Amino acid sequence: MNTALRTGLTTGTCAAAAAQAAARVLCGEPPPEFAAIRLPGGELRRLAVEQAELTESGARAAVRKDAGDDPDVTHGLLVWADVVWTDGGDVTFRAGPGVGTVTRPGLQIPPGEPAINPVPRAMIRAAVRDVTARPMSVTISVPGGEAVAQKTFNPKLGIVGGLSILGSTGIVRPYSLAAVRDSFKCALDVAQACGVRCPVLVPGNTGRRGASLQLHVADEQVIEVGNEWGFMAHQLAGRPFEAVLALGHPGKLAKLAAGWWDTHSSRSPSALPLVRETAAALGLTPPVVDTVEGVFQALAPADSRRLGEALAERVREALASRLGAPAAVMLVDMPGARLGCAGDLTPWTR
């Protein structure tokens, strides 16, 4: 039995196909059933065109996004391209409903521009130029994209109003770790371009909630790392950051002290043994519980604070050693309350 996961096509490929189909209609051809798009690697793909028609000012066409077996939030959405003739220039781009606009520096596209990345722009231009050499404006829309974009990294990257039109190869491969890492690197790029000097690294929502409750920081200063602490430590090297704060739940961050820099539960052991070991070294004997959160809940407030500070120091030592630079740590519980800290927190609390 063939169990290989099915690949899909990026929003950039779909946008290029829609633009080509709309350009054909604008040039007087009948609405095409398919659009033939050359991917960046040279492969030719045929995409079904769901709709293509003339409009009052130009023409439009739609292609439905198929992400294959990847759990892509854009799977099944229609990608529309509206095209109109222009008086001069080349192919220009606009963001329609559901496509975002860049508002912060540090990304591949400057602020004020539609969030259509360079490779998709080149694909759209090539697709249109297969049809006509006349100057043309292309507006890309994704109905429902603004709501779906809330499930992506776009709000954290300062991309407002909708989705980004993405794709470096034109193909979606199921669960691309490279794509996840690219998103994290982009967040660092944005923070650096915005003048952030002391970023806050958080595993996810618990850390972000703790940062909003405990610190005085800007949105672009708080960077989600997920489970990719080793990757992000490497990405921090050589950047002009003065200090780094790791903030999150000890169930995640304590793994760094144990040498596990990929903190995913399927690729690293539980932090509970290290937490209990640290508690024992302090002379604390919490009852046997199944979670790190449970250990802290079972302790008296003063003992919980001692354990939190000891764990934070162990994590800080590991992080500073890995980064070769100043680091601080704040541990928080699930609601975001402070459990313990280590290092100088002045850059984030003043």
Protein backbone atom coordinates (compact mmCIF):
# COMPACT_ATOMS: atom_id res chain seq x y z
CA MET A 1 0.00 0.00 0.00
CA ASN A 2 1.34 3.45 -0.92
CA THR A 3 1.39 5.62 2.21
CA ALA A 4 3.32 8.55 0.76
CA LEU A 5 1.81 11.89 1.65
CA ARG A 6 0.42 13.92 -1.23
CA THR A 7 2.09 17.24 -2.04
CA GLY A 8 0.10 20.37 -2.85
CA LEU A 9 0.59 23.74 -4.50
CA THR A 10 1.32 27.05 -2.80
CA THR A 11 -0.87 30.13 -2.77
CA GLY A 12 1.77 31.70 -5.02
CA THR A 13 1.28 28.98 -7.64
CA CYS A 14 -2.50 29.35 -7.41
CA ALA A 15 -2.23 33.15 -7.76
CA ALA A 16 -0.03 32.77 -10.83
CA ALA A 17 -2.49 30.35 -12.42
CA ALA A 18 -5.44 32.64 -11.69
CA ALA A 19 -3.57 35.64 -13.09
CA GLN A 20 -2.70 33.77 -16.27
CA ALA A 21 -6.31 32.65 -16.78
CA ALA A 22 -7.60 36.19 -16.19
CA ALA A 23 -5.02 37.60 -18.60
CA ARG A 24 -6.20 35.21 -21.33
CA VAL A 25 -9.79 36.36 -20.89
CA LEU A 26 -8.69 40.01 -20.92
CA CYS A 27 -6.89 39.34 -24.21
CA GLY A 28 -10.10 38.05 -25.78
CA GLU A 29 -9.58 34.32 -25.38
CA PRO A 30 -12.39 32.05 -24.09
CA PRO A 31 -12.29 31.22 -20.35
CA PRO A 32 -9.66 28.48 -19.98
CA GLU A 33 -10.28 25.26 -18.08
CA PHE A 34 -6.63 25.00 -17.03
CA ALA A 35 -3.61 27.24 -16.55
CA ALA A 36 -0.09 25.94 -17.21
CA ILE A 37 2.42 27.34 -14.69
CA ARG A 38 6.18 26.88 -14.65
CA LEU A 39 7.39 26.27 -11.09
CA PRO A 40 10.68 27.81 -9.90
CA GLY A 41 12.38 24.42 -10.27
CA GLY A 42 11.36 24.21 -13.94
CA GLU A 43 8.46 21.76 -13.61
CA LEU A 44 5.29 22.59 -15.58
CA ARG A 45 2.02 22.18 -13.66
CA ARG A 46 -1.56 22.41 -14.94
CA LEU A 47 -4.08 23.86 -12.50
CA ALA A 48 -7.85 23.73 -12.92
CA VAL A 49 -9.47 27.13 -13.31
CA GLU A 50 -12.77 27.26 -11.42
CA GLN A 51 -14.03 30.54 -12.85
CA ALA A 52 -12.85 33.11 -15.40
CA GLU A 53 -14.80 36.09 -16.70
CA LEU A 54 -14.69 39.64 -17.95
CA THR A 55 -15.41 42.46 -15.49
CA GLU A 56 -16.35 46.11 -16.02
CA SER A 57 -12.70 47.16 -16.03
CA GLY A 58 -10.78 43.98 -16.87
CA ALA A 59 -11.04 40.28 -16.16
CA ARG A 60 -10.84 37.92 -13.21
CA ALA A 61 -10.28 34.23 -12.55
CA ALA A 62 -10.10 31.87 -9.58
CA VAL A 63 -8.09 28.77 -8.69
CA ARG A 64 -8.76 26.67 -5.60
CA LYS A 65 -5.85 26.03 -3.23
CA ASP A 66 -4.96 22.35 -2.82
CA ALA A 67 -2.37 21.85 -0.07
CA GLY A 68 -2.21 18.08 -0.56
CA ASP A 69 -1.90 16.23 2.75
CA ASP A 70 -0.40 19.20 4.58
CA PRO A 71 -2.62 20.66 7.37
CA ASP A 72 -2.43 24.07 5.70
CA VAL A 73 -5.03 26.57 6.93
CA THR A 74 -5.43 27.89 3.38
CA HIS A 75 -6.38 24.49 1.92
CA GLY A 76 -9.61 24.74 -0.09
CA LEU A 77 -9.69 28.53 -0.34
CA LEU A 78 -10.23 30.25 -3.68
CA VAL A 79 -7.39 32.45 -4.89
CA TRP A 80 -8.66 35.19 -7.21
CA ALA A 81 -6.73 37.38 -9.62
CA ASP A 82 -8.25 40.55 -11.07
CA VAL A 83 -6.30 42.04 -13.98
CA VAL A 84 -6.63 45.40 -15.74
CA TRP A 85 -4.54 47.14 -18.38
CA THR A 86 -2.33 50.01 -17.21
CA ASP A 87 -0.85 52.93 -19.12
CA GLY A 88 2.79 52.02 -18.59
CA GLY A 89 5.32 50.03 -16.65
CA ASP A 90 5.37 46.29 -16.14
CA VAL A 91 3.23 43.99 -14.01
CA THR A 92 2.19 45.70 -10.76
CA PHE A 93 0.60 44.12 -7.70
CA ARG A 94 -2.23 45.01 -5.37
CA ALA A 95 -3.75 43.32 -2.33
CA GLY A 96 -7.43 42.55 -2.59
CA PRO A 97 -9.73 41.29 0.18
CA GLY A 98 -8.12 38.56 2.26
CA VAL A 99 -4.54 39.40 1.26
CA GLY A 100 -2.42 41.23 3.80
CA THR A 101 -0.30 44.36 3.67
CA VAL A 102 3.18 44.57 5.19
CA THR A 103 3.44 47.18 7.96
CA ARG A 104 6.85 46.50 9.52
CA PRO A 105 10.38 46.41 8.13
CA GLY A 106 12.51 43.28 8.10
CA LEU A 107 10.53 41.09 5.72
CA GLN A 108 11.25 40.36 2.06
CA ILE A 109 8.63 42.94 1.05
CA PRO A 110 8.86 46.55 2.32
CA PRO A 111 6.14 48.17 4.45
CA GLY A 112 3.13 49.41 2.53
CA GLU A 113 3.36 46.69 -0.11
CA PRO A 114 0.96 43.76 -0.61
CA ALA A 115 2.16 40.66 1.23
CA ILE A 116 2.98 38.86 -2.01
CA ASN A 117 6.46 37.42 -1.63
CA PRO A 118 9.19 37.79 -4.29
CA VAL A 119 8.98 34.28 -5.75
CA PRO A 120 5.17 34.40 -6.18
CA ARG A 121 5.56 37.86 -7.77
CA ALA A 122 8.03 36.44 -10.26
CA MET A 123 5.71 33.48 -10.96
CA ILE A 124 2.70 35.77 -11.48
CA ARG A 125 4.69 38.03 -13.78
CA ALA A 126 5.97 35.06 -15.83
CA ALA A 127 2.46 33.59 -16.04
CA VAL A 128 1.04 36.87 -17.35
CA ARG A 129 3.94 37.38 -19.74
CA ASP A 130 3.18 33.99 -21.28
CA VAL A 131 0.00 35.67 -22.50
CA THR A 132 0.82 39.33 -23.18
CA ALA A 133 3.63 41.87 -23.02
CA ARG A 134 1.28 44.78 -22.26
CA PRO A 135 1.54 46.47 -18.82
CA MET A 136 -0.98 45.15 -16.36
CA SER A 137 -2.09 45.51 -12.75
CA VAL A 138 -2.81 42.27 -10.87
CA THR A 139 -4.90 42.24 -7.71
CA ILE A 140 -4.81 39.01 -5.69
CA SER A 141 -7.71 38.23 -3.34
CA VAL A 142 -8.49 35.30 -1.06
CA PRO A 143 -12.08 35.39 0.25
CA GLY A 144 -12.03 34.44 3.93
CA GLY A 145 -8.30 35.09 4.11
CA GLU A 146 -8.49 37.77 6.78
CA ALA A 147 -10.07 35.36 9.29
CA VAL A 148 -7.75 32.49 8.38
CA ALA A 149 -4.71 34.75 8.71
CA GLN A 150 -5.37 34.96 12.46
CA LYS A 151 -4.23 31.31 12.65
CA THR A 152 -0.90 32.14 11.01
CA PHE A 153 2.19 34.10 12.05
CA ASN A 154 1.02 37.16 10.08
CA PRO A 155 -0.39 39.18 13.00
CA LYS A 156 2.89 38.71 14.89
CA LEU A 157 4.89 39.79 11.83
CA GLY A 158 2.89 42.97 11.31
CA ILE A 159 1.07 41.76 8.20
CA VAL A 160 -2.46 43.13 8.47
CA GLY A 161 -5.66 42.50 6.57
CA GLY A 162 -5.15 38.94 5.47
CA LEU A 163 -2.85 36.20 4.28
CA SER A 164 0.56 36.29 2.66
CA ILE A 165 0.94 34.89 -0.84
CA LEU A 166 3.83 32.53 -0.27
CA GLY A 167 5.95 29.82 -1.84
CA SER A 168 9.62 29.47 -2.68
CA THR A 169 9.27 26.27 -4.73
CA GLY A 170 5.62 26.44 -5.75
CA ILE A 171 4.98 23.14 -4.00
CA VAL A 172 3.56 22.44 -0.53
CA ARG A 173 5.21 19.45 1.14
CA PRO A 174 3.32 17.98 4.09
CA TYR A 175 4.45 19.53 7.37
CA SER A 176 7.48 21.42 6.25
CA LEU A 177 9.78 22.00 9.20
CA ALA A 178 11.72 24.35 6.95
CA ALA A 179 8.60 26.51 6.54
CA VAL A 180 8.07 26.64 10.30
CA ARG A 181 11.69 27.63 10.85
CA ASP A 182 11.44 30.26 8.12
CA SER A 183 8.52 31.82 10.01
CA PHE A 184 10.53 31.95 13.23
CA LYS A 185 13.51 33.47 11.41
CA CYS A 186 11.21 36.09 9.86
CA ALA A 187 10.04 37.07 13.35
CA LEU A 188 13.67 37.66 14.35
CA ASP A 189 14.25 39.67 11.17
CA VAL A 190 11.24 41.88 11.92
CA ALA A 191 12.31 42.40 15.54
CA GLN A 192 15.82 43.38 14.45
CA ALA A 193 14.54 45.73 11.74
CA CYS A 194 12.18 47.37 14.25
CA GLY A 195 15.10 48.18 16.52
CA VAL A 196 14.46 45.54 19.18
CA ARG A 197 17.61 44.99 21.23
CA CYS A 198 16.32 42.65 23.94
CA PRO A 199 13.91 40.05 22.49
CA VAL A 200 11.70 37.78 24.54
CA LEU A 201 11.57 34.17 23.33
CA VAL A 202 8.44 32.23 24.23
CA PRO A 203 7.36 28.68 23.35
CA GLY A 204 3.79 29.72 22.56
CA ASN A 205 0.61 31.20 24.00
CA THR A 206 1.42 30.57 27.67
CA GLY A 207 4.69 32.46 27.37
CA ARG A 208 3.08 35.23 25.34
CA ARG A 209 0.37 35.58 27.99
CA GLY A 210 3.02 35.70 30.72
CA ALA A 211 4.96 38.37 28.82
CA SER A 212 1.88 40.60 28.55
CA LEU A 213 1.16 40.20 32.27
CA GLN A 214 4.68 40.45 33.67
CA LEU A 215 6.65 42.74 31.34
CA HIS A 216 6.63 46.05 29.47
CA VAL A 217 7.38 44.91 25.91
CA ALA A 218 6.24 45.68 22.37
CA ASP A 219 4.46 43.07 20.26
CA GLU A 220 7.39 42.65 17.89
CA GLN A 221 9.70 42.10 20.87
CA VAL A 222 7.96 38.83 21.79
CA ILE A 223 9.03 36.04 19.44
CA GLU A 224 7.49 32.57 19.40
CA VAL A 225 10.00 29.75 19.22
CA GLY A 226 7.68 26.75 19.40
CA ASN A 227 9.93 23.77 20.09
CA GLU A 228 12.84 25.03 17.95
CA TRP A 229 15.13 26.36 20.68
CA GLY A 230 18.30 24.94 19.15
CA PHE A 231 17.49 26.43 15.75
CA MET A 232 16.65 29.82 17.25
CA ALA A 233 19.80 29.84 19.37
CA HIS A 234 21.77 29.39 16.16
CA GLN A 235 19.77 32.16 14.45
CA LEU A 236 20.54 34.59 17.28
CA ALA A 237 24.29 34.30 16.68
CA GLY A 238 25.76 37.46 15.19
CA ARG A 239 22.61 39.55 15.58
CA PRO A 240 22.89 42.90 17.39
CA PHE A 241 20.74 41.86 20.35
CA GLU A 242 22.04 42.98 23.74
CA ALA A 243 20.29 40.33 25.85
CA VAL A 244 17.71 37.59 25.47
CA LEU A 245 14.91 36.59 27.82
CA ALA A 246 13.37 33.11 27.66
CA LEU A 247 9.87 33.13 29.14
CA GLY A 248 7.54 30.18 29.44
CA HIS A 249 6.24 27.26 31.43
CA PRO A 250 8.84 25.09 33.21
CA GLY A 251 7.32 22.04 31.57
CA LYS A 252 8.94 23.30 28.36
CA LEU A 253 11.86 25.45 29.44
CA ALA A 254 13.28 23.03 32.02
CA LYS A 255 14.09 20.73 29.11
CA LEU A 256 16.79 23.19 28.01
CA ALA A 257 18.58 22.67 31.33
CA ALA A 258 18.57 18.94 30.60
CA GLY A 259 20.12 19.52 27.16
CA TRP A 260 16.97 19.02 25.09
CA TRP A 261 16.85 21.89 22.59
CA ASP A 262 13.99 20.41 20.55
CA THR A 263 11.29 20.43 23.20
CA HIS A 264 8.55 18.62 21.25
CA SER A 265 7.00 15.92 23.43
CA SER A 266 7.61 13.27 20.77
CA ARG A 267 11.31 14.14 20.47
CA SER A 268 12.27 14.92 24.06
CA PRO A 269 11.48 13.37 27.45
CA SER A 270 9.30 14.95 30.10
CA ALA A 271 10.79 17.74 32.21
CA LEU A 272 9.19 16.25 35.31
CA PRO A 273 12.23 14.19 36.46
CA LEU A 274 14.50 17.25 36.31
CA VAL A 275 11.92 19.35 38.17
CA ARG A 276 11.64 16.74 40.91
CA GLU A 277 15.43 16.39 41.06
CA THR A 278 15.77 20.15 41.53
CA ALA A 279 13.09 20.11 44.23
CA ALA A 280 14.91 17.31 46.07
CA ALA A 281 18.19 19.26 45.95
CA LEU A 282 16.36 22.09 47.76
CA GLY A 283 15.07 19.68 50.41
CA LEU A 284 11.54 19.83 49.03
CA THR A 285 9.38 16.71 48.74
CA PRO A 286 6.26 17.47 46.72
CA PRO A 287 3.74 14.64 46.46
CA VAL A 288 3.94 12.35 43.46
CA VAL A 289 2.02 14.03 40.64
CA ASP A 290 1.97 13.55 36.89
CA THR A 291 2.71 17.09 35.69
CA VAL A 292 5.18 19.90 36.28
CA GLU A 293 2.27 22.25 36.92
CA GLY A 294 1.06 19.84 39.59
CA VAL A 295 4.43 19.94 41.37
CA PHE A 296 4.25 23.71 41.74
CA GLN A 297 0.60 23.65 42.78
CA ALA A 298 1.36 21.13 45.51
CA LEU A 299 4.05 23.29 47.14
CA ALA A 300 3.57 26.11 49.60
CA PRO A 301 4.00 29.53 47.93
CA ALA A 302 7.47 30.14 49.41
CA ASP A 303 8.68 26.68 48.36
CA SER A 304 7.15 27.07 44.90
CA ARG A 305 9.09 30.32 44.53
CA ARG A 306 12.36 28.66 45.63
CA LEU A 307 11.86 25.86 43.12
CA GLY A 308 10.96 28.29 40.34
CA GLU A 309 14.07 30.38 40.95
CA ALA A 310 16.35 27.32 41.08
CA LEU A 311 14.93 25.96 37.83
CA ALA A 312 15.13 29.37 36.17
CA GLU A 313 18.81 29.61 37.07
CA ARG A 314 19.54 26.18 35.60
CA VAL A 315 17.76 27.16 32.37
CA ARG A 316 19.57 30.52 32.31
CA GLU A 317 22.97 28.85 32.62
CA ALA A 318 22.16 26.48 29.75
CA LEU A 319 20.83 29.27 27.54
CA ALA A 320 23.72 31.65 28.22
CA SER A 321 26.20 28.87 27.49
CA ARG A 322 24.46 28.00 24.22
CA LEU A 323 24.16 31.63 23.12
CA GLY A 324 27.51 32.81 24.41
CA ALA A 325 25.70 36.00 25.40
CA PRO A 326 23.74 37.47 28.34
CA ALA A 327 20.46 35.68 29.00
CA ALA A 328 17.66 35.82 31.54
CA VAL A 329 14.79 33.45 32.26
CA MET A 330 11.28 33.86 33.64
CA LEU A 331 9.13 30.83 34.39
CA VAL A 332 5.35 31.23 34.53
CA ASP A 333 2.44 28.93 35.26
CA MET A 334 -0.35 28.20 32.80
CA PRO A 335 -2.34 31.39 33.61
CA GLY A 336 0.86 33.45 33.22
CA ALA A 337 1.71 34.09 36.89
CA ARG A 338 5.40 34.28 37.77
CA LEU A 339 7.00 31.15 39.26
CA GLY A 340 10.65 32.18 39.30
CA CYS A 341 13.28 34.27 37.54
CA ALA A 342 17.02 34.30 36.95
CA GLY A 343 19.31 36.92 35.45
CA ASP A 344 18.94 40.65 35.01
CA LEU A 345 15.36 41.50 34.01
CA THR A 346 15.95 45.26 33.85
CA PRO A 347 15.76 45.52 30.03
CA TRP A 348 12.22 44.13 30.09
CA THR A 349 10.80 45.63 33.31
CA ARG A 350 12.02 49.23 33.34
